[in-house]
PDB file of N, CA and C in Angstrom:
ATOM      1  N   MET A   1      22.514  -4.056  16.672  1.00  0.00           N
ATOM      2  CA  MET A   1      21.492  -3.058  16.466  1.00  0.00           C
ATOM      3  C   MET A   1      21.400  -2.737  14.977  1.00  0.00           C
ATOM      4  N   PHE A   2      20.177  -2.524  14.487  1.00  0.00           N
ATOM      5  CA  PHE A   2      19.965  -2.194  13.078  1.00  0.00           C
ATOM      6  C   PHE A   2      20.282  -0.731  12.806  1.00  0.00           C
ATOM      7  N   ASN A   3      20.893  -0.483  11.645  1.00  0.00           N
ATOM      8  CA  ASN A   3      20.923   0.901  11.190  1.00  0.00           C
ATOM      9  C   ASN A   3      19.674   1.103  10.344  1.00  0.00           C
ATOM     10  N   LEU A   4      19.421   2.327   9.915  1.00  0.00           N
ATOM     11  CA  LEU A   4      18.177   2.629   9.216  1.00  0.00           C
ATOM     12  C   LEU A   4      18.011   1.825   7.939  1.00  0.00           C
ATOM     13  N   THR A   5      19.061   1.686   7.165  1.00  0.00           N
ATOM     14  CA  THR A   5      18.990   0.932   5.916  1.00  0.00           C
ATOM     15  C   THR A   5      18.649  -0.527   6.177  1.00  0.00           C
ATOM     16  N   GLU A   6      19.286  -1.127   7.158  1.00  0.00           N
ATOM     17  CA  GLU A   6      19.014  -2.530   7.497  1.00  0.00           C
ATOM     18  C   GLU A   6      17.580  -2.685   7.999  1.00  0.00           C
ATOM     19  N   TRP A   7      17.135  -1.741   8.815  1.00  0.00           N
ATOM     20  CA  TRP A   7      15.793  -1.789   9.372  1.00  0.00           C
ATOM     21  C   TRP A   7      14.747  -1.760   8.260  1.00  0.00           C
ATOM     22  N   LYS A   8      14.941  -0.902   7.236  1.00  0.00           N
ATOM     23  CA  LYS A   8      13.983  -0.791   6.147  1.00  0.00           C
ATOM     24  C   LYS A   8      13.947  -2.039   5.282  1.00  0.00           C
ATOM     25  N   GLN A   9      14.963  -2.876   5.375  1.00  0.00           N
ATOM     26  CA  GLN A   9      15.001  -4.097   4.580  1.00  0.00           C
ATOM     27  C   GLN A   9      14.373  -5.294   5.289  1.00  0.00           C
ATOM     28  N   THR A  10      13.993  -5.124   6.544  1.00  0.00           N
ATOM     29  CA  THR A  10      13.381  -6.238   7.261  1.00  0.00           C
ATOM     30  C   THR A  10      11.957  -6.466   6.780  1.00  0.00           C
ATOM     31  N   LYS A  11      11.522  -7.706   6.855  1.00  0.00           N
ATOM     32  CA  LYS A  11      10.167  -8.063   6.426  1.00  0.00           C
ATOM     33  C   LYS A  11       9.136  -7.322   7.282  1.00  0.00           C
ATOM     34  N   PHE A  12       9.402  -7.187   8.557  1.00  0.00           N
ATOM     35  CA  PHE A  12       8.482  -6.491   9.456  1.00  0.00           C
ATOM     36  C   PHE A  12       8.257  -5.060   9.002  1.00  0.00           C
ATOM     37  N   TYR A  13       9.332  -4.350   8.699  1.00  0.00           N
ATOM     38  CA  TYR A  13       9.230  -2.960   8.258  1.00  0.00           C
ATOM     39  C   TYR A  13       8.453  -2.874   6.945  1.00  0.00           C
ATOM     40  N   GLN A  14       8.790  -3.742   6.009  1.00  0.00           N
ATOM     41  CA  GLN A  14       8.150  -3.699   4.702  1.00  0.00           C
ATOM     42  C   GLN A  14       6.659  -3.987   4.800  1.00  0.00           C
ATOM     43  N   GLU A  15       6.277  -4.951   5.654  1.00  0.00           N
ATOM     44  CA  GLU A  15       4.858  -5.265   5.828  1.00  0.00           C
ATOM     45  C   GLU A  15       4.127  -4.109   6.509  1.00  0.00           C
ATOM     46  N   ALA A  16       4.756  -3.516   7.505  1.00  0.00           N
ATOM     47  CA  ALA A  16       4.143  -2.393   8.202  1.00  0.00           C
ATOM     48  C   ALA A  16       3.984  -1.207   7.255  1.00  0.00           C
ATOM     49  N   GLU A  17       4.970  -0.958   6.432  1.00  0.00           N
ATOM     50  CA  GLU A  17       4.898   0.134   5.469  1.00  0.00           C
ATOM     51  C   GLU A  17       3.788  -0.122   4.459  1.00  0.00           C
ATOM     52  N   GLU A  18       3.692  -1.344   3.981  1.00  0.00           N
ATOM     53  CA  GLU A  18       2.640  -1.682   3.009  1.00  0.00           C
ATOM     54  C   GLU A  18       1.271  -1.551   3.648  1.00  0.00           C
ATOM     55  N   GLU A  19       1.137  -1.991   4.900  1.00  0.00           N
ATOM     56  CA  GLU A  19      -0.146  -1.898   5.586  1.00  0.00           C
ATOM     57  C   GLU A  19      -0.582  -0.436   5.700  1.00  0.00           C
ATOM     58  N   GLY A  20       0.353   0.437   6.010  1.00  0.00           N
ATOM     59  CA  GLY A  20       0.032   1.860   6.092  1.00  0.00           C
ATOM     60  C   GLY A  20      -0.428   2.406   4.761  1.00  0.00           C
ATOM     61  N   LYS A  21       0.187   1.938   3.701  1.00  0.00           N
ATOM     62  CA  LYS A  21      -0.214   2.373   2.366  1.00  0.00           C
ATOM     63  C   LYS A  21      -1.609   1.866   2.040  1.00  0.00           C
ATOM     64  N   LEU A  22      -1.884   0.629   2.393  1.00  0.00           N
ATOM     65  CA  LEU A  22      -3.190   0.054   2.092  1.00  0.00           C
ATOM     66  C   LEU A  22      -4.302   0.821   2.787  1.00  0.00           C
ATOM     67  N   GLU A  23      -4.033   1.317   3.962  1.00  0.00           N
ATOM     68  CA  GLU A  23      -5.049   2.049   4.708  1.00  0.00           C
ATOM     69  C   GLU A  23      -5.407   3.375   4.047  1.00  0.00           C
ATOM     70  N   THR A  24      -4.557   3.870   3.164  1.00  0.00           N
ATOM     71  CA  THR A  24      -4.849   5.135   2.480  1.00  0.00           C
ATOM     72  C   THR A  24      -5.662   4.934   1.200  1.00  0.00           C
ATOM     73  N   ILE A  25      -5.815   3.706   0.756  1.00  0.00           N
ATOM     74  CA  ILE A  25      -6.523   3.444  -0.497  1.00  0.00           C
ATOM     75  C   ILE A  25      -7.961   3.970  -0.473  1.00  0.00           C
ATOM     76  N   PRO A  26      -8.753   3.723   0.579  1.00  0.00           N
ATOM     77  CA  PRO A  26     -10.122   4.261   0.562  1.00  0.00           C
ATOM     78  C   PRO A  26     -10.168   5.791   0.413  1.00  0.00           C
ATOM     79  N   LEU A  27      -9.244   6.475   1.043  1.00  0.00           N
ATOM     80  CA  LEU A  27      -9.188   7.928   0.901  1.00  0.00           C
ATOM     81  C   LEU A  27      -8.898   8.331  -0.537  1.00  0.00           C
ATOM     82  N   LEU A  28      -7.947   7.656  -1.151  1.00  0.00           N
ATOM     83  CA  LEU A  28      -7.597   7.988  -2.532  1.00  0.00           C
ATOM     84  C   LEU A  28      -8.738   7.694  -3.496  1.00  0.00           C
ATOM     85  N   ILE A  29      -9.520   6.653  -3.212  1.00  0.00           N
ATOM     86  CA  ILE A  29     -10.701   6.353  -4.030  1.00  0.00           C
ATOM     87  C   ILE A  29     -11.716   7.481  -3.896  1.00  0.00           C
ATOM     88  N   ARG A  30     -11.949   7.936  -2.654  1.00  0.00           N
ATOM     89  CA  ARG A  30     -12.888   9.035  -2.444  1.00  0.00           C
ATOM     90  C   ARG A  30     -12.430  10.310  -3.142  1.00  0.00           C
ATOM     91  N   LEU A  31     -11.126  10.472  -3.297  1.00  0.00           N
ATOM     92  CA  LEU A  31     -10.590  11.644  -3.987  1.00  0.00           C
ATOM     93  C   LEU A  31     -10.644  11.501  -5.506  1.00  0.00           C
ATOM     94  N   GLY A  32     -11.080  10.309  -5.967  1.00  0.00           N
ATOM     95  CA  GLY A  32     -11.304  10.126  -7.395  1.00  0.00           C
ATOM     96  C   GLY A  32     -10.203   9.409  -8.158  1.00  0.00           C
ATOM     97  N   LEU A  33      -9.198   8.874  -7.467  1.00  0.00           N
ATOM     98  CA  LEU A  33      -8.144   8.141  -8.170  1.00  0.00           C
ATOM     99  C   LEU A  33      -8.629   6.744  -8.518  1.00  0.00           C
ATOM    100  N   ASN A  34      -8.172   6.218  -9.654  1.00  0.00           N
ATOM    101  CA  ASN A  34      -8.517   4.845 -10.022  1.00  0.00           C
ATOM    102  C   ASN A  34      -7.418   3.901  -9.516  1.00  0.00           C
ATOM    103  N   GLU A  35      -7.628   2.616  -9.731  1.00  0.00           N
ATOM    104  CA  GLU A  35      -6.706   1.614  -9.198  1.00  0.00           C
ATOM    105  C   GLU A  35      -5.276   1.806  -9.707  1.00  0.00           C
ATOM    106  N   GLU A  36      -5.142   2.099 -10.981  1.00  0.00           N
ATOM    107  CA  GLU A  36      -3.813   2.274 -11.569  1.00  0.00           C
ATOM    108  C   GLU A  36      -3.106   3.492 -10.969  1.00  0.00           C
ATOM    109  N   GLN A  37      -3.830   4.574 -10.801  1.00  0.00           N
ATOM    110  CA  GLN A  37      -3.240   5.772 -10.217  1.00  0.00           C
ATOM    111  C   GLN A  37      -2.815   5.536  -8.772  1.00  0.00           C
ATOM    112  N   ILE A  38      -3.661   4.834  -8.039  1.00  0.00           N
ATOM    113  CA  ILE A  38      -3.350   4.535  -6.638  1.00  0.00           C
ATOM    114  C   ILE A  38      -2.090   3.686  -6.546  1.00  0.00           C
ATOM    115  N   ALA A  39      -2.022   2.644  -7.358  1.00  0.00           N
ATOM    116  CA  ALA A  39      -0.837   1.768  -7.347  1.00  0.00           C
ATOM    117  C   ALA A  39       0.415   2.572  -7.647  1.00  0.00           C
ATOM    118  N   ARG A  40       0.338   3.438  -8.623  1.00  0.00           N
ATOM    119  CA  ARG A  40       1.503   4.239  -8.998  1.00  0.00           C
ATOM    120  C   ARG A  40       1.896   5.202  -7.875  1.00  0.00           C
ATOM    121  N   GLU A  41       0.921   5.889  -7.293  1.00  0.00           N
ATOM    122  CA  GLU A  41       1.211   6.878  -6.253  1.00  0.00           C
ATOM    123  C   GLU A  41       1.740   6.249  -4.964  1.00  0.00           C
ATOM    124  N   LEU A  42       1.240   5.054  -4.631  1.00  0.00           N
ATOM    125  CA  LEU A  42       1.665   4.380  -3.398  1.00  0.00           C
ATOM    126  C   LEU A  42       2.823   3.416  -3.618  1.00  0.00           C
ATOM    127  N   ASN A  43       3.249   3.298  -4.881  1.00  0.00           N
ATOM    128  CA  ASN A  43       4.335   2.382  -5.216  1.00  0.00           C
ATOM    129  C   ASN A  43       3.999   0.950  -4.786  1.00  0.00           C
ATOM    130  N   LEU A  44       2.789   0.534  -5.141  1.00  0.00           N
ATOM    131  CA  LEU A  44       2.321  -0.819  -4.865  1.00  0.00           C
ATOM    132  C   LEU A  44       2.013  -1.505  -6.192  1.00  0.00           C
ATOM    133  N   LYS A  45       1.983  -2.816  -6.170  1.00  0.00           N
ATOM    134  CA  LYS A  45       1.588  -3.560  -7.363  1.00  0.00           C
ATOM    135  C   LYS A  45       0.098  -3.340  -7.609  1.00  0.00           C
ATOM    136  N   PHE A  46      -0.244  -3.189  -8.885  1.00  0.00           N
ATOM    137  CA  PHE A  46      -1.634  -2.975  -9.293  1.00  0.00           C
ATOM    138  C   PHE A  46      -2.540  -4.069  -8.730  1.00  0.00           C
ATOM    139  N   GLU A  47      -2.079  -5.309  -8.774  1.00  0.00           N
ATOM    140  CA  GLU A  47      -2.877  -6.444  -8.303  1.00  0.00           C
ATOM    141  C   GLU A  47      -3.196  -6.334  -6.819  1.00  0.00           C
ATOM    142  N   ILE A  48      -2.247  -5.830  -6.043  1.00  0.00           N
ATOM    143  CA  ILE A  48      -2.462  -5.678  -4.602  1.00  0.00           C
ATOM    144  C   ILE A  48      -3.557  -4.654  -4.347  1.00  0.00           C
ATOM    145  N   VAL A  49      -3.505  -3.553  -5.086  1.00  0.00           N
ATOM    146  CA  VAL A  49      -4.526  -2.505  -4.938  1.00  0.00           C
ATOM    147  C   VAL A  49      -5.900  -3.061  -5.305  1.00  0.00           C
ATOM    148  N   CYS A  50      -5.986  -3.749  -6.419  1.00  0.00           N
ATOM    149  CA  CYS A  50      -7.269  -4.325  -6.851  1.00  0.00           C
ATOM    150  C   CYS A  50      -7.791  -5.324  -5.848  1.00  0.00           C
ATOM    151  N   GLN A  51      -6.912  -6.166  -5.319  1.00  0.00           N
ATOM    152  CA  GLN A  51      -7.317  -7.174  -4.341  1.00  0.00           C
ATOM    153  C   GLN A  51      -7.831  -6.502  -3.064  1.00  0.00           C
ATOM    154  N   PHE A  52      -7.131  -5.469  -2.616  1.00  0.00           N
ATOM    155  CA  PHE A  52      -7.556  -4.757  -1.412  1.00  0.00           C
ATOM    156  C   PHE A  52      -8.944  -4.150  -1.617  1.00  0.00           C
ATOM    157  N   ILE A  53      -9.150  -3.515  -2.755  1.00  0.00           N
ATOM    158  CA  ILE A  53     -10.440  -2.884  -3.050  1.00  0.00           C
ATOM    159  C   ILE A  53     -11.550  -3.945  -3.107  1.00  0.00           C
ATOM    160  N   ALA A  54     -11.278  -5.064  -3.758  1.00  0.00           N
ATOM    161  CA  ALA A  54     -12.269  -6.129  -3.848  1.00  0.00           C
ATOM    162  C   ALA A  54     -12.627  -6.655  -2.460  1.00  0.00           C
ATOM    163  N   ASN A  55     -11.641  -6.804  -1.593  1.00  0.00           N
ATOM    164  CA  ASN A  55     -11.883  -7.311  -0.242  1.00  0.00           C
ATOM    165  C   ASN A  55     -12.684  -6.293   0.583  1.00  0.00           C
ATOM    166  N   GLN A  56     -12.480  -5.011   0.324  1.00  0.00           N
ATOM    167  CA  GLN A  56     -13.221  -3.974   1.050  1.00  0.00           C
ATOM    168  C   GLN A  56     -14.679  -3.934   0.636  1.00  0.00           C
ATOM    169  N   ASN A  57     -14.939  -4.304  -0.615  1.00  0.00           N
ATOM    170  CA  ASN A  57     -16.301  -4.267  -1.134  1.00  0.00           C
ATOM    171  C   ASN A  57     -17.118  -5.485  -0.732  1.00  0.00           C
ATOM    172  N   ASN A  58     -16.496  -6.491  -0.176  1.00  0.00           N
ATOM    173  CA  ASN A  58     -17.219  -7.721   0.243  1.00  0.00           C
ATOM    174  C   ASN A  58     -17.653  -7.642   1.668  1.00  0.00           C
TER     175      ASN A  58
END
Protein backbone atom coordinates (compact mmCIF):
# COMPACT_ATOMS: atom_id res chain seq x y z
CA MET A 1 0.00 0.00 0.00
CA PHE A 2 1.22 3.52 -0.80
CA ASN A 3 1.83 6.08 1.87
CA LEU A 4 0.99 9.69 1.02
CA THR A 5 4.52 10.63 -0.02
CA GLU A 6 4.84 7.62 -2.32
CA TRP A 7 1.39 8.26 -3.77
CA LYS A 8 2.28 11.88 -4.65
CA GLN A 9 5.35 10.65 -6.52
CA THR A 10 3.41 8.39 -8.87
CA LYS A 11 2.97 9.47 -12.48
CA PHE A 12 -0.80 9.05 -12.15
CA TYR A 13 -0.99 11.47 -9.23
CA GLN A 14 1.27 14.01 -10.90
CA GLU A 15 -0.72 13.93 -14.15
CA ALA A 16 -4.02 14.22 -12.30
CA GLU A 17 -2.69 17.14 -10.27
CA GLU A 18 -1.43 18.89 -13.40
CA GLU A 19 -4.74 18.32 -15.16
CA GLY A 20 -6.57 19.97 -12.27
CA LYS A 21 -4.24 22.92 -12.49
CA LEU A 22 -4.74 23.23 -16.23
CA GLU A 23 -8.49 23.42 -15.76
CA THR A 24 -8.06 26.56 -13.65
CA ILE A 25 -6.15 28.46 -16.35
CA PRO A 26 -9.26 29.88 -18.09
CA LEU A 27 -10.51 31.24 -14.77
CA LEU A 28 -7.18 32.88 -14.03
CA ILE A 29 -7.15 34.46 -17.50
CA ARG A 30 -10.63 35.89 -16.87
CA LEU A 31 -9.32 37.31 -13.60
CA GLY A 32 -6.64 39.15 -15.56
CA LEU A 33 -3.50 37.09 -14.93
CA ASN A 34 -1.00 36.71 -17.77
CA GLU A 35 0.76 33.51 -18.77
CA GLU A 36 3.80 34.13 -16.59
CA GLN A 37 1.70 34.87 -13.52
CA ILE A 38 -0.42 31.78 -14.09
CA ALA A 39 2.64 29.55 -14.45
CA ARG A 40 4.10 30.95 -11.25
CA GLU A 41 0.87 30.66 -9.24
CA LEU A 42 0.11 27.11 -10.41
CA ASN A 43 3.74 25.99 -10.23
CA LEU A 44 3.69 24.93 -13.88
CA LYS A 45 6.22 25.47 -16.64
CA PHE A 46 5.56 28.64 -18.63
CA GLU A 47 5.60 26.63 -21.88
CA ILE A 48 2.85 24.31 -20.62
CA VAL A 49 0.62 27.27 -19.78
CA CYS A 50 1.22 28.87 -23.18
CA GLN A 51 0.58 25.60 -24.99
CA PHE A 52 -2.66 25.04 -23.08
CA ILE A 53 -3.87 28.56 -23.88
CA ALA A 54 -2.97 28.17 -27.56
CA ASN A 55 -4.86 24.86 -27.74
CA GLN A 56 -7.92 26.45 -26.10
CA ASN A 57 -7.95 29.24 -28.66
CA ASN A 58 -8.01 26.82 -31.62
